[in-house]
Each structure stands twice: as structure tokens, then as C-alpha cells.
Amino acid sequence: MLFSVVGILMCFFGNKFLQPILFITGVAEASFLMMLICYTTFAKNHTEVWIGWVILVASLGIGLGIGYLFIKYQRVGAFALAVWGGFSIGLLVYNAVLYKADS
């Protein structure tokens, strides 16, 4: 429900919300990617709890920096937003239809 409302607002008021959307996209993409890399390479089952918090704070800091860069360079931010949208649609199509093609 929330995503439907946000999608409708973006549809009709897209230019007004472009910079916040680019910023949120930059923070989300960069933070997720940094946490994915750090948790799969450095963090193991026996690591200390504080290391997880350091990874989280560092990932959010890098994400905030990338979000600012996406606002500064809007073409790069729009490209990243389109990549994220295409990836999401690809996952949706695969999980809805294509997963049965293997069996």
C-alpha cells in the first residue's frame, strides 16, 4: 500500500521529488552493497558484535556520500535508479513466471 502511494506521488509530482528520490536511492544502494561485501568477506559467525555495528555505520556513511553524489550528478543518479528498477522488475518476472522453466 505504501509503495502504491509513493508510486502515484512520483508519477504526478516526479520533478519535485527527484532529488529526494535520488538521495534515498543512493543511500539504499550503496549501503546495501557495502554491507553485502563486508558481511560476506569480513564478518564470520564468531566475530564480535561491535564489528557489525562498525560495518553498519561505515556503510551508512558511504551511502550518505553516494546519495549526495547522486544529487550532485543527477544523470548518474537517474542511471542508478533505472538499474535498480530494472533489477526489481527482473526479480519480479523471474519469481512470478520463469522459476518454473527449470523444472
PDB file of N, CA and C in Angstrom:
ATOM      1  N   MET A   1       0.819  -1.189   0.000  1.00  0.00           N
ATOM      2  CA  MET A   1       0.000   0.000   0.000  1.00  0.00           C
ATOM      3  C   MET A   1       0.871   1.263   0.000  1.00  0.00           C
ATOM      4  N   LEU A   2       1.903   1.237   0.822  1.00  0.00           N
ATOM      5  CA  LEU A   2       2.786   2.397   0.905  1.00  0.00           C
ATOM      6  C   LEU A   2       3.490   2.657  -0.423  1.00  0.00           C
ATOM      7  N   PHE A   3       3.976   1.585  -1.063  1.00  0.00           N
ATOM      8  CA  PHE A   3       4.675   1.748  -2.333  1.00  0.00           C
ATOM      9  C   PHE A   3       3.733   2.231  -3.429  1.00  0.00           C
ATOM     10  N   SER A   4       2.468   1.862  -3.356  1.00  0.00           N
ATOM     11  CA  SER A   4       1.490   2.347  -4.333  1.00  0.00           C
ATOM     12  C   SER A   4       1.292   3.846  -4.194  1.00  0.00           C
ATOM     13  N   VAL A   5       1.188   4.313  -2.972  1.00  0.00           N
ATOM     14  CA  VAL A   5       1.016   5.754  -2.739  1.00  0.00           C
ATOM     15  C   VAL A   5       2.266   6.509  -3.185  1.00  0.00           C
ATOM     16  N   VAL A   6       3.420   5.998  -2.828  1.00  0.00           N
ATOM     17  CA  VAL A   6       4.674   6.646  -3.233  1.00  0.00           C
ATOM     18  C   VAL A   6       4.800   6.641  -4.752  1.00  0.00           C
ATOM     19  N   GLY A   7       4.427   5.536  -5.399  1.00  0.00           N
ATOM     20  CA  GLY A   7       4.485   5.459  -6.856  1.00  0.00           C
ATOM     21  C   GLY A   7       3.562   6.457  -7.533  1.00  0.00           C
ATOM     22  N   ILE A   8       2.363   6.631  -7.007  1.00  0.00           N
ATOM     23  CA  ILE A   8       1.423   7.603  -7.580  1.00  0.00           C
ATOM     24  C   ILE A   8       1.950   9.017  -7.397  1.00  0.00           C
ATOM     25  N   LEU A   9       2.497   9.321  -6.216  1.00  0.00           N
ATOM     26  CA  LEU A   9       3.072  10.652  -5.994  1.00  0.00           C
ATOM     27  C   LEU A   9       4.250  10.907  -6.931  1.00  0.00           C
ATOM     28  N   MET A  10       5.079   9.891  -7.127  1.00  0.00           N
ATOM     29  CA  MET A  10       6.213  10.043  -8.044  1.00  0.00           C
ATOM     30  C   MET A  10       5.738  10.227  -9.472  1.00  0.00           C
ATOM     31  N   CYS A  11       4.640   9.588  -9.831  1.00  0.00           N
ATOM     32  CA  CYS A  11       4.117   9.689 -11.188  1.00  0.00           C
ATOM     33  C   CYS A  11       3.666  11.111 -11.502  1.00  0.00           C
ATOM     34  N   PHE A  12       2.944  11.712 -10.579  1.00  0.00           N
ATOM     35  CA  PHE A  12       2.371  13.025 -10.864  1.00  0.00           C
ATOM     36  C   PHE A  12       3.235  14.200 -10.416  1.00  0.00           C
ATOM     37  N   PHE A  13       4.101  13.993  -9.430  1.00  0.00           N
ATOM     38  CA  PHE A  13       4.948  15.072  -8.930  1.00  0.00           C
ATOM     39  C   PHE A  13       6.419  14.679  -8.992  1.00  0.00           C
ATOM     40  N   GLY A  14       6.824  14.032 -10.063  1.00  0.00           N
ATOM     41  CA  GLY A  14       8.163  13.472 -10.176  1.00  0.00           C
ATOM     42  C   GLY A  14       9.287  14.485 -10.112  1.00  0.00           C
ATOM     43  N   ASN A  15       9.120  15.633 -10.760  1.00  0.00           N
ATOM     44  CA  ASN A  15      10.198  16.624 -10.775  1.00  0.00           C
ATOM     45  C   ASN A  15      10.445  17.229  -9.400  1.00  0.00           C
ATOM     46  N   LYS A  16       9.394  17.379  -8.606  1.00  0.00           N
ATOM     47  CA  LYS A  16       9.564  17.936  -7.266  1.00  0.00           C
ATOM     48  C   LYS A  16      10.255  16.942  -6.335  1.00  0.00           C
ATOM     49  N   PHE A  17      10.033  15.651  -6.558  1.00  0.00           N
ATOM     50  CA  PHE A  17      10.590  14.624  -5.693  1.00  0.00           C
ATOM     51  C   PHE A  17      11.853  13.987  -6.253  1.00  0.00           C
ATOM     52  N   LEU A  18      12.409  14.515  -7.334  1.00  0.00           N
ATOM     53  CA  LEU A  18      13.546  13.868  -7.974  1.00  0.00           C
ATOM     54  C   LEU A  18      14.769  13.821  -7.060  1.00  0.00           C
ATOM     55  N   GLN A  19      15.124  14.932  -6.457  1.00  0.00           N
ATOM     56  CA  GLN A  19      16.317  14.947  -5.612  1.00  0.00           C
ATOM     57  C   GLN A  19      16.176  14.069  -4.365  1.00  0.00           C
ATOM     58  N   PRO A  20      15.048  14.095  -3.649  1.00  0.00           N
ATOM     59  CA  PRO A  20      14.936  13.154  -2.516  1.00  0.00           C
ATOM     60  C   PRO A  20      14.960  11.696  -2.947  1.00  0.00           C
ATOM     61  N   ILE A  21      14.360  11.392  -4.081  1.00  0.00           N
ATOM     62  CA  ILE A  21      14.352  10.011  -4.570  1.00  0.00           C
ATOM     63  C   ILE A  21      15.760   9.573  -4.943  1.00  0.00           C
ATOM     64  N   LEU A  22      16.510  10.449  -5.602  1.00  0.00           N
ATOM     65  CA  LEU A  22      17.892  10.114  -5.952  1.00  0.00           C
ATOM     66  C   LEU A  22      18.745   9.914  -4.701  1.00  0.00           C
ATOM     67  N   PHE A  23      18.533  10.755  -3.691  1.00  0.00           N
ATOM     68  CA  PHE A  23      19.292  10.620  -2.457  1.00  0.00           C
ATOM     69  C   PHE A  23      18.977   9.304  -1.751  1.00  0.00           C
ATOM     70  N   ILE A  24      17.703   8.989  -1.635  1.00  0.00           N
ATOM     71  CA  ILE A  24      17.303   7.745  -0.974  1.00  0.00           C
ATOM     72  C   ILE A  24      17.813   6.540  -1.755  1.00  0.00           C
ATOM     73  N   THR A  25      17.758   6.621  -3.073  1.00  0.00           N
ATOM     74  CA  THR A  25      18.274   5.535  -3.904  1.00  0.00           C
ATOM     75  C   THR A  25      19.777   5.350  -3.684  1.00  0.00           C
ATOM     76  N   GLY A  26      20.515   6.438  -3.656  1.00  0.00           N
ATOM     77  CA  GLY A  26      21.960   6.349  -3.433  1.00  0.00           C
ATOM     78  C   GLY A  26      22.300   5.763  -2.084  1.00  0.00           C
ATOM     79  N   VAL A  27      21.596   6.195  -1.043  1.00  0.00           N
ATOM     80  CA  VAL A  27      21.856   5.669   0.299  1.00  0.00           C
ATOM     81  C   VAL A  27      21.515   4.181   0.354  1.00  0.00           C
ATOM     82  N   ALA A  28      20.368   3.804  -0.191  1.00  0.00           N
ATOM     83  CA  ALA A  28      19.943   2.405  -0.119  1.00  0.00           C
ATOM     84  C   ALA A  28      20.859   1.487  -0.921  1.00  0.00           C
ATOM     85  N   GLU A  29      21.170   1.866  -2.148  1.00  0.00           N
ATOM     86  CA  GLU A  29      22.007   1.011  -2.992  1.00  0.00           C
ATOM     87  C   GLU A  29      23.419   0.875  -2.439  1.00  0.00           C
ATOM     88  N   ALA A  30      24.034   1.993  -2.085  1.00  0.00           N
ATOM     89  CA  ALA A  30      25.421   1.945  -1.613  1.00  0.00           C
ATOM     90  C   ALA A  30      25.518   1.243  -0.261  1.00  0.00           C
ATOM     91  N   SER A  31      24.579   1.512   0.634  1.00  0.00           N
ATOM     92  CA  SER A  31      24.615   0.868   1.948  1.00  0.00           C
ATOM     93  C   SER A  31      24.430  -0.637   1.819  1.00  0.00           C
ATOM     94  N   PHE A  32      23.467  -1.043   1.011  1.00  0.00           N
ATOM     95  CA  PHE A  32      23.237  -2.480   0.825  1.00  0.00           C
ATOM     96  C   PHE A  32      24.450  -3.151   0.202  1.00  0.00           C
ATOM     97  N   LEU A  33      25.028  -2.534  -0.805  1.00  0.00           N
ATOM     98  CA  LEU A  33      26.179  -3.134  -1.468  1.00  0.00           C
ATOM     99  C   LEU A  33      27.382  -3.229  -0.526  1.00  0.00           C
ATOM    100  N   MET A  34      27.629  -2.173   0.246  1.00  0.00           N
ATOM    101  CA  MET A  34      28.757  -2.198   1.180  1.00  0.00           C
ATOM    102  C   MET A  34      28.552  -3.225   2.283  1.00  0.00           C
ATOM    103  N   MET A  35      27.323  -3.314   2.810  1.00  0.00           N
ATOM    104  CA  MET A  35      27.063  -4.312   3.845  1.00  0.00           C
ATOM    105  C   MET A  35      27.171  -5.727   3.286  1.00  0.00           C
ATOM    106  N   LEU A  36      26.711  -5.919   2.072  1.00  0.00           N
ATOM    107  CA  LEU A  36      26.812  -7.235   1.444  1.00  0.00           C
ATOM    108  C   LEU A  36      28.270  -7.650   1.283  1.00  0.00           C
ATOM    109  N   ILE A  37      29.083  -6.736   0.791  1.00  0.00           N
ATOM    110  CA  ILE A  37      30.505  -7.037   0.613  1.00  0.00           C
ATOM    111  C   ILE A  37      31.185  -7.292   1.949  1.00  0.00           C
ATOM    112  N   CYS A  38      30.936  -6.439   2.920  1.00  0.00           N
ATOM    113  CA  CYS A  38      31.610  -6.578   4.217  1.00  0.00           C
ATOM    114  C   CYS A  38      31.170  -7.822   4.970  1.00  0.00           C
ATOM    115  N   TYR A  39      29.869  -8.095   4.992  1.00  0.00           N
ATOM    116  CA  TYR A  39      29.401  -9.254   5.751  1.00  0.00           C
ATOM    117  C   TYR A  39      29.798 -10.573   5.095  1.00  0.00           C
ATOM    118  N   THR A  40      29.891 -10.596   3.779  1.00  0.00           N
ATOM    119  CA  THR A  40      30.280 -11.853   3.143  1.00  0.00           C
ATOM    120  C   THR A  40      31.787 -12.074   3.165  1.00  0.00           C
ATOM    121  N   THR A  41      32.579 -11.009   3.272  1.00  0.00           N
ATOM    122  CA  THR A  41      34.034 -11.194   3.255  1.00  0.00           C
ATOM    123  C   THR A  41      34.660 -11.151   4.641  1.00  0.00           C
ATOM    124  N   PHE A  42      34.275 -10.188   5.456  1.00  0.00           N
ATOM    125  CA  PHE A  42      34.968  -9.992   6.724  1.00  0.00           C
ATOM    126  C   PHE A  42      34.260 -10.635   7.905  1.00  0.00           C
ATOM    127  N   ALA A  43      32.960 -10.497   7.988  1.00  0.00           N
ATOM    128  CA  ALA A  43      32.232 -10.961   9.168  1.00  0.00           C
ATOM    129  C   ALA A  43      31.933 -12.459   9.057  1.00  0.00           C
ATOM    130  N   LYS A  44      32.296 -13.166  10.087  1.00  0.00           N
ATOM    131  CA  LYS A  44      32.014 -14.599  10.175  1.00  0.00           C
ATOM    132  C   LYS A  44      31.075 -14.825  11.360  1.00  0.00           C
ATOM    133  N   ASN A  45      30.752 -16.063  11.642  1.00  0.00           N
ATOM    134  CA  ASN A  45      29.833 -16.366  12.737  1.00  0.00           C
ATOM    135  C   ASN A  45      30.404 -16.024  14.112  1.00  0.00           C
ATOM    136  N   HIS A  46      31.694 -16.006  14.250  1.00  0.00           N
ATOM    137  CA  HIS A  46      32.326 -15.796  15.553  1.00  0.00           C
ATOM    138  C   HIS A  46      32.886 -14.386  15.732  1.00  0.00           C
ATOM    139  N   THR A  47      32.550 -13.430  14.877  1.00  0.00           N
ATOM    140  CA  THR A  47      33.067 -12.067  15.020  1.00  0.00           C
ATOM    141  C   THR A  47      32.347 -11.350  16.154  1.00  0.00           C
ATOM    142  N   GLU A  48      32.989 -10.341  16.662  1.00  0.00           N
ATOM    143  CA  GLU A  48      32.430  -9.554  17.758  1.00  0.00           C
ATOM    144  C   GLU A  48      31.230  -8.740  17.280  1.00  0.00           C
ATOM    145  N   VAL A  49      30.356  -8.394  18.214  1.00  0.00           N
ATOM    146  CA  VAL A  49      29.152  -7.637  17.877  1.00  0.00           C
ATOM    147  C   VAL A  49      29.506  -6.222  17.418  1.00  0.00           C
ATOM    148  N   TRP A  50      30.532  -5.635  18.007  1.00  0.00           N
ATOM    149  CA  TRP A  50      30.877  -4.257  17.660  1.00  0.00           C
ATOM    150  C   TRP A  50      31.343  -4.139  16.217  1.00  0.00           C
ATOM    151  N   ILE A  51      31.883  -5.215  15.653  1.00  0.00           N
ATOM    152  CA  ILE A  51      32.320  -5.182  14.252  1.00  0.00           C
ATOM    153  C   ILE A  51      31.108  -5.021  13.335  1.00  0.00           C
ATOM    154  N   GLY A  52      30.006  -5.671  13.679  1.00  0.00           N
ATOM    155  CA  GLY A  52      28.773  -5.499  12.911  1.00  0.00           C
ATOM    156  C   GLY A  52      28.273  -4.069  12.944  1.00  0.00           C
ATOM    157  N   TRP A  53      28.365  -3.438  14.122  1.00  0.00           N
ATOM    158  CA  TRP A  53      27.937  -2.036  14.227  1.00  0.00           C
ATOM    159  C   TRP A  53      28.857  -1.108  13.434  1.00  0.00           C
ATOM    160  N   VAL A  54      30.157  -1.388  13.452  1.00  0.00           N
ATOM    161  CA  VAL A  54      31.104  -0.578  12.675  1.00  0.00           C
ATOM    162  C   VAL A  54      30.799  -0.711  11.181  1.00  0.00           C
ATOM    163  N   ILE A  55      30.519  -1.928  10.735  1.00  0.00           N
ATOM    164  CA  ILE A  55      30.180  -2.142   9.323  1.00  0.00           C
ATOM    165  C   ILE A  55      28.907  -1.388   8.964  1.00  0.00           C
ATOM    166  N   LEU A  56      27.911  -1.431   9.850  1.00  0.00           N
ATOM    167  CA  LEU A  56      26.655  -0.733   9.590  1.00  0.00           C
ATOM    168  C   LEU A  56      26.853   0.777   9.506  1.00  0.00           C
ATOM    169  N   VAL A  57      27.575   1.353  10.456  1.00  0.00           N
ATOM    170  CA  VAL A  57      27.803   2.804  10.461  1.00  0.00           C
ATOM    171  C   VAL A  57      28.644   3.226   9.265  1.00  0.00           C
ATOM    172  N   ALA A  58      29.675   2.461   8.942  1.00  0.00           N
ATOM    173  CA  ALA A  58      30.517   2.792   7.788  1.00  0.00           C
ATOM    174  C   ALA A  58      29.716   2.692   6.488  1.00  0.00           C
ATOM    175  N   SER A  59      28.874   1.678   6.379  1.00  0.00           N
ATOM    176  CA  SER A  59      28.056   1.523   5.178  1.00  0.00           C
ATOM    177  C   SER A  59      27.071   2.671   5.024  1.00  0.00           C
ATOM    178  N   LEU A  60      26.462   3.081   6.132  1.00  0.00           N
ATOM    179  CA  LEU A  60      25.541   4.217   6.062  1.00  0.00           C
ATOM    180  C   LEU A  60      26.283   5.519   5.731  1.00  0.00           C
ATOM    181  N   GLY A  61      27.483   5.680   6.266  1.00  0.00           N
ATOM    182  CA  GLY A  61      28.273   6.874   5.933  1.00  0.00           C
ATOM    183  C   GLY A  61      28.629   6.929   4.459  1.00  0.00           C
ATOM    184  N   ILE A  62      29.059   5.803   3.922  1.00  0.00           N
ATOM    185  CA  ILE A  62      29.365   5.744   2.489  1.00  0.00           C
ATOM    186  C   ILE A  62      28.095   5.949   1.673  1.00  0.00           C
ATOM    187  N   GLY A  63      26.987   5.374   2.142  1.00  0.00           N
ATOM    188  CA  GLY A  63      25.709   5.555   1.459  1.00  0.00           C
ATOM    189  C   GLY A  63      25.275   7.007   1.428  1.00  0.00           C
ATOM    190  N   LEU A  64      25.472   7.721   2.523  1.00  0.00           N
ATOM    191  CA  LEU A  64      25.124   9.145   2.538  1.00  0.00           C
ATOM    192  C   LEU A  64      25.981   9.927   1.544  1.00  0.00           C
ATOM    193  N   GLY A  65      27.247   9.571   1.449  1.00  0.00           N
ATOM    194  CA  GLY A  65      28.119  10.224   0.474  1.00  0.00           C
ATOM    195  C   GLY A  65      27.692   9.942  -0.959  1.00  0.00           C
ATOM    196  N   ILE A  66      27.342   8.705  -1.253  1.00  0.00           N
ATOM    197  CA  ILE A  66      26.874   8.349  -2.593  1.00  0.00           C
ATOM    198  C   ILE A  66      25.546   9.034  -2.890  1.00  0.00           C
ATOM    199  N   GLY A  67      24.658   9.117  -1.881  1.00  0.00           N
ATOM    200  CA  GLY A  67      23.393   9.828  -2.068  1.00  0.00           C
ATOM    201  C   GLY A  67      23.611  11.291  -2.426  1.00  0.00           C
ATOM    202  N   TYR A  68      24.591  11.932  -1.775  1.00  0.00           N
ATOM    203  CA  TYR A  68      24.914  13.312  -2.120  1.00  0.00           C
ATOM    204  C   TYR A  68      25.452  13.409  -3.546  1.00  0.00           C
ATOM    205  N   LEU A  69      26.295  12.457  -3.940  1.00  0.00           N
ATOM    206  CA  LEU A  69      26.826  12.468  -5.303  1.00  0.00           C
ATOM    207  C   LEU A  69      25.720  12.263  -6.337  1.00  0.00           C
ATOM    208  N   PHE A  70      24.716  11.446  -6.005  1.00  0.00           N
ATOM    209  CA  PHE A  70      23.596  11.247  -6.922  1.00  0.00           C
ATOM    210  C   PHE A  70      22.791  12.534  -7.098  1.00  0.00           C
ATOM    211  N   ILE A  71      22.687  13.336  -6.055  1.00  0.00           N
ATOM    212  CA  ILE A  71      22.005  14.627  -6.192  1.00  0.00           C
ATOM    213  C   ILE A  71      22.865  15.572  -7.023  1.00  0.00           C
ATOM    214  N   LYS A  72      24.168  15.570  -6.769  1.00  0.00           N
ATOM    215  CA  LYS A  72      25.086  16.464  -7.480  1.00  0.00           C
ATOM    216  C   LYS A  72      25.155  16.129  -8.971  1.00  0.00           C
ATOM    217  N   TYR A  73      25.235  14.841  -9.292  1.00  0.00           N
ATOM    218  CA  TYR A  73      25.299  14.374 -10.677  1.00  0.00           C
ATOM    219  C   TYR A  73      24.022  13.582 -10.967  1.00  0.00           C
ATOM    220  N   GLN A  74      22.986  14.294 -11.372  1.00  0.00           N
ATOM    221  CA  GLN A  74      21.665  13.691 -11.493  1.00  0.00           C
ATOM    222  C   GLN A  74      21.583  12.640 -12.595  1.00  0.00           C
ATOM    223  N   ARG A  75      22.378  12.741 -13.616  1.00  0.00           N
ATOM    224  CA  ARG A  75      22.353  11.726 -14.669  1.00  0.00           C
ATOM    225  C   ARG A  75      22.845  10.378 -14.146  1.00  0.00           C
ATOM    226  N   VAL A  76      23.879  10.402 -13.340  1.00  0.00           N
ATOM    227  CA  VAL A  76      24.382   9.162 -12.749  1.00  0.00           C
ATOM    228  C   VAL A  76      23.349   8.593 -11.788  1.00  0.00           C
ATOM    229  N   GLY A  77      22.711   9.465 -11.006  1.00  0.00           N
ATOM    230  CA  GLY A  77      21.678   9.026 -10.088  1.00  0.00           C
ATOM    231  C   GLY A  77      20.472   8.445 -10.809  1.00  0.00           C
ATOM    232  N   ALA A  78      20.082   9.064 -11.916  1.00  0.00           N
ATOM    233  CA  ALA A  78      18.958   8.537 -12.696  1.00  0.00           C
ATOM    234  C   ALA A  78      19.314   7.190 -13.307  1.00  0.00           C
ATOM    235  N   PHE A  79      20.561   7.030 -13.730  1.00  0.00           N
ATOM    236  CA  PHE A  79      21.005   5.738 -14.251  1.00  0.00           C
ATOM    237  C   PHE A  79      20.930   4.663 -13.172  1.00  0.00           C
ATOM    238  N   ALA A  80      21.405   4.986 -11.968  1.00  0.00           N
ATOM    239  CA  ALA A  80      21.369   4.017 -10.872  1.00  0.00           C
ATOM    240  C   ALA A  80      19.931   3.682 -10.481  1.00  0.00           C
ATOM    241  N   LEU A  81      19.053   4.673 -10.519  1.00  0.00           N
ATOM    242  CA  LEU A  81      17.644   4.435 -10.223  1.00  0.00           C
ATOM    243  C   LEU A  81      17.022   3.516 -11.272  1.00  0.00           C
ATOM    244  N   ALA A  82      17.372   3.709 -12.528  1.00  0.00           N
ATOM    245  CA  ALA A  82      16.859   2.851 -13.600  1.00  0.00           C
ATOM    246  C   ALA A  82      17.411   1.432 -13.469  1.00  0.00           C
ATOM    247  N   VAL A  83      18.679   1.299 -13.081  1.00  0.00           N
ATOM    248  CA  VAL A  83      19.263  -0.026 -12.877  1.00  0.00           C
ATOM    249  C   VAL A  83      18.536  -0.750 -11.754  1.00  0.00           C
ATOM    250  N   TRP A  84      18.265  -0.043 -10.665  1.00  0.00           N
ATOM    251  CA  TRP A  84      17.565  -0.633  -9.532  1.00  0.00           C
ATOM    252  C   TRP A  84      16.153  -1.059  -9.931  1.00  0.00           C
ATOM    253  N   GLY A  85      15.464  -0.208 -10.704  1.00  0.00           N
ATOM    254  CA  GLY A  85      14.130  -0.552 -11.181  1.00  0.00           C
ATOM    255  C   GLY A  85      14.141  -1.752 -12.111  1.00  0.00           C
ATOM    256  N   GLY A  86      15.094  -1.815 -13.018  1.00  0.00           N
ATOM    257  CA  GLY A  86      15.202  -2.955 -13.918  1.00  0.00           C
ATOM    258  C   GLY A  86      15.513  -4.240 -13.187  1.00  0.00           C
ATOM    259  N   PHE A  87      16.380  -4.161 -12.208  1.00  0.00           N
ATOM    260  CA  PHE A  87      16.695  -5.332 -11.393  1.00  0.00           C
ATOM    261  C   PHE A  87      15.459  -5.818 -10.645  1.00  0.00           C
ATOM    262  N   SER A  88      14.693  -4.883 -10.093  1.00  0.00           N
ATOM    263  CA  SER A  88      13.475  -5.244  -9.354  1.00  0.00           C
ATOM    264  C   SER A  88      12.439  -5.883 -10.268  1.00  0.00           C
ATOM    265  N   ILE A  89      12.272  -5.341 -11.455  1.00  0.00           N
ATOM    266  CA  ILE A  89      11.319  -5.924 -12.407  1.00  0.00           C
ATOM    267  C   ILE A  89      11.792  -7.299 -12.854  1.00  0.00           C
ATOM    268  N   GLY A  90      13.096  -7.461 -13.066  1.00  0.00           N
ATOM    269  CA  GLY A  90      13.641  -8.764 -13.421  1.00  0.00           C
ATOM    270  C   GLY A  90      13.393  -9.808 -12.341  1.00  0.00           C
ATOM    271  N   LEU A  91      13.591  -9.436 -11.072  1.00  0.00           N
ATOM    272  CA  LEU A  91      13.299 -10.356  -9.984  1.00  0.00           C
ATOM    273  C   LEU A  91      11.819 -10.708  -9.923  1.00  0.00           C
ATOM    274  N   LEU A  92      10.985  -9.715 -10.151  1.00  0.00           N
ATOM    275  CA  LEU A  92       9.542  -9.948 -10.132  1.00  0.00           C
ATOM    276  C   LEU A  92       9.119 -10.922 -11.220  1.00  0.00           C
ATOM    277  N   VAL A  93       9.622 -10.723 -12.432  1.00  0.00           N
ATOM    278  CA  VAL A  93       9.275 -11.611 -13.544  1.00  0.00           C
ATOM    279  C   VAL A  93       9.810 -13.013 -13.303  1.00  0.00           C
ATOM    280  N   TYR A  94      11.030 -13.117 -12.816  1.00  0.00           N
ATOM    281  CA  TYR A  94      11.600 -14.438 -12.568  1.00  0.00           C
ATOM    282  C   TYR A  94      10.809 -15.187 -11.495  1.00  0.00           C
ATOM    283  N   ASN A  95      10.500 -14.504 -10.398  1.00  0.00           N
ATOM    284  CA  ASN A  95       9.781 -15.174  -9.317  1.00  0.00           C
ATOM    285  C   ASN A  95       8.332 -15.454  -9.660  1.00  0.00           C
ATOM    286  N   ALA A  96       7.767 -14.718 -10.587  1.00  0.00           N
ATOM    287  CA  ALA A  96       6.368 -14.942 -10.950  1.00  0.00           C
ATOM    288  C   ALA A  96       6.221 -16.027 -12.012  1.00  0.00           C
ATOM    289  N   VAL A  97       7.161 -16.113 -12.954  1.00  0.00           N
ATOM    290  CA  VAL A  97       6.963 -16.983 -14.101  1.00  0.00           C
ATOM    291  C   VAL A  97       8.141 -17.898 -14.371  1.00  0.00           C
ATOM    292  N   LEU A  98       9.325 -17.353 -14.473  1.00  0.00           N
ATOM    293  CA  LEU A  98      10.454 -18.074 -15.016  1.00  0.00           C
ATOM    294  C   LEU A  98      11.055 -19.145 -14.108  1.00  0.00           C
ATOM    295  N   TYR A  99      10.743 -19.117 -12.817  1.00  0.00           N
ATOM    296  CA  TYR A  99      11.325 -20.124 -11.944  1.00  0.00           C
ATOM    297  C   TYR A  99      10.815 -21.521 -12.269  1.00  0.00           C
ATOM    298  N   LYS A 100       9.664 -21.625 -12.900  1.00  0.00           N
ATOM    299  CA  LYS A 100       9.115 -22.930 -13.277  1.00  0.00           C
ATOM    300  C   LYS A 100       9.749 -23.476 -14.560  1.00  0.00           C
ATOM    301  N   ALA A 101      10.501 -22.675 -15.268  1.00  0.00           N
ATOM    302  CA  ALA A 101      11.131 -23.127 -16.502  1.00  0.00           C
ATOM    303  C   ALA A 101      12.220 -24.167 -16.238  1.00  0.00           C
ATOM    304  N   ASP A 102      12.828 -24.128 -15.049  1.00  0.00           N
ATOM    305  CA  ASP A 102      13.874 -25.089 -14.723  1.00  0.00           C
ATOM    306  C   ASP A 102      13.335 -26.481 -14.433  1.00  0.00           C
ATOM    307  N   SER A 103      12.086 -26.589 -14.009  1.00  0.00           N
ATOM    308  CA  SER A 103      11.567 -27.896 -13.606  1.00  0.00           C
ATOM    309  C   SER A 103      10.761 -28.591 -14.662  1.00  0.00           C
TER     310      SER A 103
END
